[in-house]
Amino acid sequence: MTRLVPRLFLFVLIACGGSQASTEAPGASEASSSGGEGTAPDGAPDSSSGSDAAGAEAGSEGAAGNEFKLQKSDSAAGARGVHPSKIKPSATEAAMKFFVVDKDKGPLIGIVIKLTAPDGKSYYTEETDAEGYAEVLVPVGKKYELEYLSLGRRKISASVPVSDKPNQNVSLTLRYKRHDRPPPIRAKKGAPAAAEEPRFILEGVEFDTGKATIRPDSLPRLDTVVEYMSHKKSTRIEISGHTDNVGNARTNQKLSEKRAKACREYLVSKGIDGGRIETVGYGDARPIASNDTEDGRQKNRRIEAKEL
């Protein structure tokens, strides 16, 4: 049987962190290649698929459904990273092979890609290796929503349909692009400016007033951190608590520390090794907005996470 190896192009992959620190995501554009090897347009990841795949689509950030065609390529079946591929396609499963690259830095190590089927079941790659490569087997005949795992808030930014044909190899090259950073920390009068570090505001994590009791509607946000740490096994994080400046500074510091520890306890209860999580409470020492307004004070009452 003649093996068809189609090729597709995605746009910039941006697993969004909202107002969080640097994250990236899949975006979308229609593009094509006449077959064989090729280079994606600047800012647009290229992808190739093998053995009777029929098409794919992706969406730019905040949009979905932009379509583009798969075309022939000879490289999908032989795609590999530092080591030979460990997976093989079959009649029921397609081999998804990813290369994640930064325009300026080249291949990126330690990225985990999540693919979610229409029934809600998710499939995860391992962390990308020194070639930016990762792979996973997925059932054929489904359309998968694609995203990078991130500590920041994520959006589904691309979808890849996998046909029901047997023995498919699908190779995608995904390009990272830096996204929005969180608001800078405001130094107190007379204090040196805080060093800017990649960090993520865990928006939606809230507590009962004056307590370290996590509100139930905050748990889904913390579950995304559980998911991230479950699949990115190399990572260690710091969780930091922050308050506004209302009340006693010492009391605020203790409260912020208790809230950070409460988040850690929740992650540990979900199976994350506590040795991978450090906590600290900064109280009102690191505001990101003015404490002169209610809106500013609300922004300052927050939980942040950063990788160590």
Protein backbone atom coordinates (compact mmCIF):
# COMPACT_ATOMS: atom_id res chain seq x y z
CA MET A 1 0.00 0.00 0.00
CA THR A 2 1.33 3.43 -0.89
CA ARG A 3 1.94 5.45 2.25
CA LEU A 4 0.82 9.05 2.14
CA VAL A 5 2.65 11.40 4.46
CA PRO A 6 0.71 14.70 4.56
CA ARG A 7 2.12 17.94 5.87
CA LEU A 8 0.42 20.75 7.78
CA PHE A 9 1.32 24.08 9.31
CA LEU A 10 0.19 25.47 12.64
CA PHE A 11 0.59 29.06 13.74
CA VAL A 12 2.24 30.26 16.96
CA LEU A 13 1.58 27.90 19.85
CA ILE A 14 0.76 29.98 22.94
CA ALA A 15 -0.43 28.08 26.04
CA CYS A 16 -1.70 31.22 27.56
CA GLY A 17 -0.90 32.36 31.06
CA GLY A 18 -3.31 35.28 30.99
CA SER A 19 -1.60 38.03 32.93
CA GLN A 20 0.92 35.49 34.13
CA ALA A 21 4.59 35.19 33.38
CA SER A 22 6.06 34.04 30.10
CA THR A 23 4.00 31.31 28.53
CA GLU A 24 3.24 30.35 24.99
CA ALA A 25 0.41 28.84 23.00
CA PRO A 26 -0.76 27.27 19.79
CA GLY A 27 -2.28 29.73 17.44
CA ALA A 28 -3.29 29.30 13.90
CA SER A 29 -3.01 30.14 10.29
CA GLU A 30 -3.65 28.37 7.04
CA ALA A 31 -0.50 27.39 5.19
CA SER A 32 0.67 24.71 2.81
CA SER A 33 3.66 22.99 1.33
CA SER A 34 4.02 21.11 -1.90
CA GLY A 35 5.38 18.11 -0.05
CA GLY A 36 8.63 16.76 1.29
CA GLU A 37 10.67 18.87 3.67
CA GLY A 38 9.83 22.52 4.19
CA THR A 39 10.07 25.42 6.62
CA ALA A 40 7.08 26.95 8.32
CA PRO A 41 6.51 30.68 7.95
CA ASP A 42 8.04 32.81 10.69
CA GLY A 43 5.96 32.41 13.82
CA ALA A 44 4.09 29.43 12.42
CA PRO A 45 4.92 25.91 13.54
CA ASP A 46 5.02 23.38 10.77
CA SER A 47 3.76 19.86 11.05
CA SER A 48 3.75 16.75 8.98
CA SER A 49 1.61 13.68 9.16
CA GLY A 50 1.97 10.22 7.81
CA SER A 51 -0.02 7.37 6.40
CA ASP A 52 -3.39 8.46 5.08
CA ALA A 53 -4.11 11.36 7.42
CA ALA A 54 -6.52 13.80 5.87
CA GLY A 55 -6.34 17.27 7.38
CA ALA A 56 -5.92 19.42 10.45
CA GLU A 57 -7.03 22.70 11.91
CA ALA A 58 -5.97 25.17 14.55
CA GLY A 59 -7.22 28.37 16.10
CA SER A 60 -5.45 31.55 17.05
CA GLU A 61 -5.57 32.66 20.67
CA GLY A 62 -9.17 33.21 21.59
CA ALA A 63 -10.39 31.82 18.30
CA ALA A 64 -10.95 28.35 16.93
CA GLY A 65 -11.74 26.54 13.73
CA ASN A 66 -9.19 27.98 11.32
CA GLU A 67 -8.58 25.17 8.87
CA PHE A 68 -5.62 24.12 6.80
CA LYS A 69 -4.74 21.09 4.70
CA LEU A 70 -2.28 18.29 5.37
CA GLN A 71 0.07 17.64 2.52
CA LYS A 72 2.69 15.07 1.69
CA SER A 73 6.03 14.75 3.47
CA ASP A 74 8.62 12.02 3.83
CA SER A 75 9.78 12.81 7.35
CA ALA A 76 6.91 11.93 9.74
CA ALA A 77 7.56 8.20 10.13
CA GLY A 78 11.25 8.77 10.90
CA ALA A 79 10.78 11.72 13.27
CA ARG A 80 12.73 11.26 16.51
CA GLY A 81 14.48 13.16 19.24
CA VAL A 82 17.72 12.43 21.08
CA HIS A 83 16.76 8.75 21.19
CA PRO A 84 14.85 6.61 18.68
CA SER A 85 11.06 6.76 18.91
CA LYS A 86 9.53 4.40 21.48
CA ILE A 87 6.07 4.35 19.91
CA LYS A 88 4.61 2.75 16.80
CA PRO A 89 1.27 3.53 15.15
CA SER A 90 -1.29 0.79 14.73
CA ALA A 91 -4.75 0.24 13.30
CA THR A 92 -6.27 1.98 16.32
CA GLU A 93 -3.60 4.46 17.46
CA ALA A 94 -1.72 7.27 15.72
CA ALA A 95 1.82 8.24 16.67
CA MET A 96 1.90 11.97 17.46
CA LYS A 97 5.43 13.38 17.32
CA PHE A 98 6.19 16.93 18.39
CA PHE A 99 9.15 19.29 18.08
CA VAL A 100 8.90 22.43 20.23
CA VAL A 101 11.23 25.28 19.31
CA ASP A 102 11.83 28.89 20.24
CA LYS A 103 12.54 31.24 17.35
CA ASP A 104 15.64 32.62 19.05
CA LYS A 105 16.71 29.80 21.38
CA GLY A 106 16.01 26.76 19.22
CA PRO A 107 14.69 23.46 20.70
CA LEU A 108 13.08 23.77 24.13
CA ILE A 109 13.56 21.20 26.88
CA GLY A 110 10.94 20.26 29.46
CA ILE A 111 7.70 21.12 27.64
CA VAL A 112 4.67 18.84 28.13
CA ILE A 113 1.94 18.81 25.47
CA LYS A 114 -1.64 17.86 26.27
CA LEU A 115 -4.12 16.53 23.71
CA THR A 116 -7.79 16.33 24.71
CA ALA A 117 -10.35 14.25 22.81
CA PRO A 118 -14.02 15.25 22.36
CA ASP A 119 -15.02 12.86 25.16
CA GLY A 120 -12.78 14.78 27.56
CA LYS A 121 -10.07 12.14 27.84
CA SER A 122 -6.59 13.63 27.77
CA TYR A 123 -3.27 12.32 26.51
CA TYR A 124 0.10 13.72 27.50
CA THR A 125 3.59 13.63 26.08
CA GLU A 126 6.57 13.29 28.36
CA GLU A 127 8.78 16.36 28.68
CA THR A 128 10.54 17.42 25.49
CA ASP A 129 14.18 16.36 25.25
CA ALA A 130 17.27 18.28 24.13
CA GLU A 131 15.95 18.24 20.55
CA GLY A 132 12.64 19.70 21.72
CA TYR A 133 11.04 16.33 20.92
CA ALA A 134 8.19 14.48 22.64
CA GLU A 135 5.67 11.86 21.50
CA VAL A 136 2.43 10.15 22.45
CA LEU A 137 -0.02 7.60 21.04
CA VAL A 138 -3.66 8.66 20.60
CA PRO A 139 -6.74 6.83 19.29
CA VAL A 140 -7.50 7.44 15.61
CA GLY A 141 -10.69 9.02 14.29
CA LYS A 142 -10.84 11.92 16.75
CA LYS A 143 -10.13 15.65 16.82
CA TYR A 144 -7.76 16.69 19.60
CA GLU A 145 -7.51 20.05 21.32
CA LEU A 146 -3.87 20.93 21.77
CA GLU A 147 -2.17 22.97 24.48
CA TYR A 148 1.05 23.25 26.45
CA LEU A 149 0.84 22.51 30.14
CA SER A 150 1.66 25.64 32.12
CA LEU A 151 1.41 27.02 35.63
CA GLY A 152 -0.35 29.99 34.05
CA ARG A 153 -3.96 30.07 32.92
CA ARG A 154 -4.29 28.16 29.66
CA LYS A 155 -6.47 28.38 26.58
CA ILE A 156 -7.20 25.78 23.94
CA SER A 157 -5.50 27.29 20.95
CA ALA A 158 -5.30 24.59 18.30
CA SER A 159 -7.07 21.44 17.27
CA VAL A 160 -5.68 18.57 15.25
CA PRO A 161 -8.03 16.04 13.64
CA VAL A 162 -6.63 12.54 13.30
CA SER A 163 -8.37 10.47 10.65
CA ASP A 164 -9.53 6.89 11.20
CA LYS A 165 -6.90 5.50 8.84
CA PRO A 166 -4.42 2.94 10.25
CA ASN A 167 -0.69 3.36 10.92
CA GLN A 168 -0.54 7.15 11.05
CA ASN A 169 2.59 9.08 11.99
CA VAL A 170 1.84 12.75 12.69
CA SER A 171 4.82 15.06 13.19
CA LEU A 172 4.24 18.64 14.37
CA THR A 173 6.79 21.40 14.86
CA LEU A 174 5.44 23.95 17.34
CA ARG A 175 7.02 27.34 17.89
CA TYR A 176 7.06 29.06 21.23
CA LYS A 177 6.35 32.76 21.58
CA ARG A 178 6.66 34.79 24.75
CA HIS A 179 3.32 35.94 26.15
CA ASP A 180 2.26 38.56 28.67
CA ARG A 181 4.13 39.00 31.93
CA PRO A 182 2.36 39.70 35.24
CA PRO A 183 2.33 43.23 36.64
CA PRO A 184 5.73 44.17 38.11
CA ILE A 185 6.19 44.21 41.87
CA ARG A 186 6.04 47.75 43.27
CA ALA A 187 8.96 48.52 45.55
CA LYS A 188 8.04 50.24 48.80
CA LYS A 189 9.32 53.78 49.26
CA GLY A 190 13.04 53.67 49.99
CA ALA A 191 13.32 49.95 49.24
CA PRO A 192 15.26 48.53 46.27
CA ALA A 193 13.20 47.28 43.33
CA ALA A 194 12.45 43.56 43.44
CA ALA A 195 14.19 41.44 40.81
CA GLU A 196 11.77 40.39 38.09
CA GLU A 197 11.47 36.60 37.86
CA PRO A 198 9.21 34.38 35.78
CA ARG A 199 6.15 33.90 37.97
CA PHE A 200 2.46 33.17 37.67
CA ILE A 201 -0.49 34.69 39.47
CA LEU A 202 -2.89 31.86 40.28
CA GLU A 203 -5.97 33.89 39.42
CA GLY A 204 -9.15 32.53 40.93
CA VAL A 205 -7.53 31.11 44.07
CA GLU A 206 -9.40 32.80 46.90
CA PHE A 207 -9.82 32.34 50.66
CA ASP A 208 -12.38 33.11 53.31
CA THR A 209 -11.89 36.63 54.66
CA GLY A 210 -9.07 36.80 57.19
CA LYS A 211 -8.52 33.03 57.02
CA ALA A 212 -6.40 30.45 55.19
CA THR A 213 -9.44 28.39 54.18
CA ILE A 214 -9.45 27.84 50.41
CA ARG A 215 -12.85 28.48 48.86
CA PRO A 216 -14.25 25.44 46.99
CA ASP A 217 -14.57 27.30 43.68
CA SER A 218 -10.79 27.86 43.77
CA LEU A 219 -9.95 24.16 43.63
CA PRO A 220 -10.21 23.74 39.83
CA ARG A 221 -7.48 26.39 39.45
CA LEU A 222 -5.24 24.51 41.86
CA ASP A 223 -6.05 21.30 39.99
CA THR A 224 -4.28 22.74 36.93
CA VAL A 225 -1.15 23.03 39.07
CA VAL A 226 -1.63 19.40 40.14
CA GLU A 227 -1.93 18.40 36.48
CA TYR A 228 1.18 20.38 35.57
CA MET A 229 3.32 18.89 38.31
CA SER A 230 1.98 15.37 37.73
CA HIS A 231 3.19 15.38 34.14
CA LYS A 232 6.21 17.67 34.41
CA LYS A 233 7.99 15.54 36.96
CA SER A 234 11.25 17.50 36.88
CA THR A 235 9.73 20.71 38.19
CA ARG A 236 9.85 22.19 41.67
CA ILE A 237 7.84 25.27 42.56
CA GLU A 238 7.53 28.00 45.13
CA ILE A 239 4.05 29.12 46.19
CA SER A 240 3.90 32.61 47.65
CA GLY A 241 1.09 34.34 49.49
CA HIS A 242 0.44 38.10 49.28
CA THR A 243 -1.99 40.48 50.99
CA ASP A 244 -3.02 44.12 50.78
CA ASN A 245 -1.80 46.60 53.41
CA VAL A 246 -4.99 46.76 55.48
CA GLY A 247 -4.33 45.85 59.11
CA ASN A 248 -1.16 44.86 60.92
CA ALA A 249 1.83 44.06 58.70
CA ARG A 250 2.98 41.15 60.88
CA THR A 251 -0.50 39.64 60.93
CA ASN A 252 -0.72 39.98 57.14
CA GLN A 253 2.63 38.23 56.71
CA LYS A 254 1.53 35.30 58.87
CA LEU A 255 -1.79 35.07 57.04
CA SER A 256 -0.10 35.08 53.64
CA GLU A 257 2.25 32.31 54.77
CA LYS A 258 -0.66 30.19 56.04
CA ARG A 259 -2.48 30.63 52.73
CA ALA A 260 0.57 29.53 50.74
CA LYS A 261 0.88 26.48 52.99
CA ALA A 262 -2.81 25.70 52.53
CA CYS A 263 -2.25 25.57 48.77
CA ARG A 264 0.74 23.28 49.28
CA GLU A 265 -1.33 20.98 51.49
CA TYR A 266 -3.97 20.73 48.78
CA LEU A 267 -1.40 19.79 46.13
CA VAL A 268 0.10 17.18 48.46
CA SER A 269 -3.39 15.74 49.11
CA LYS A 270 -3.65 15.20 45.34
CA GLY A 271 -0.45 13.15 45.23
CA ILE A 272 2.26 15.76 44.60
CA ASP A 273 5.45 15.18 46.59
CA GLY A 274 5.67 17.90 49.23
CA GLY A 275 9.43 18.02 48.74
CA ARG A 276 8.83 19.62 45.34
CA ILE A 277 6.91 22.58 46.82
CA GLU A 278 8.28 25.46 48.88
CA THR A 279 6.10 28.12 50.45
CA VAL A 280 6.65 31.70 51.56
CA GLY A 281 4.43 34.52 52.79
CA TYR A 282 5.28 38.08 51.81
CA GLY A 283 2.32 39.80 53.40
CA ASP A 284 1.96 43.30 51.92
CA ALA A 285 5.66 43.63 51.01
CA ARG A 286 5.26 42.94 47.29
CA PRO A 287 2.23 44.80 45.91
CA ILE A 288 1.51 44.79 42.19
CA ALA A 289 -1.08 47.59 42.36
CA SER A 290 -1.87 50.62 44.47
CA ASN A 291 -3.39 49.88 47.88
CA ASP A 292 -5.28 53.19 47.69
CA THR A 293 -8.24 51.65 45.84
CA GLU A 294 -10.37 48.55 46.43
CA ASP A 295 -9.50 47.26 42.96
CA GLY A 296 -5.79 47.61 43.70
CA ARG A 297 -6.10 45.94 47.08
CA GLN A 298 -7.98 43.05 45.51
CA LYS A 299 -5.18 42.54 42.98
CA ASN A 300 -2.63 42.52 45.77
CA ARG A 301 -4.46 39.77 47.64
CA ARG A 302 -3.17 36.86 45.60
CA ILE A 303 -1.29 33.58 45.36
CA GLU A 304 1.67 33.28 42.99
CA ALA A 305 3.72 30.30 41.82
CA LYS A 306 7.11 30.13 40.19
CA GLU A 307 9.39 27.32 39.12
CA LEU A 308 12.62 26.87 41.06
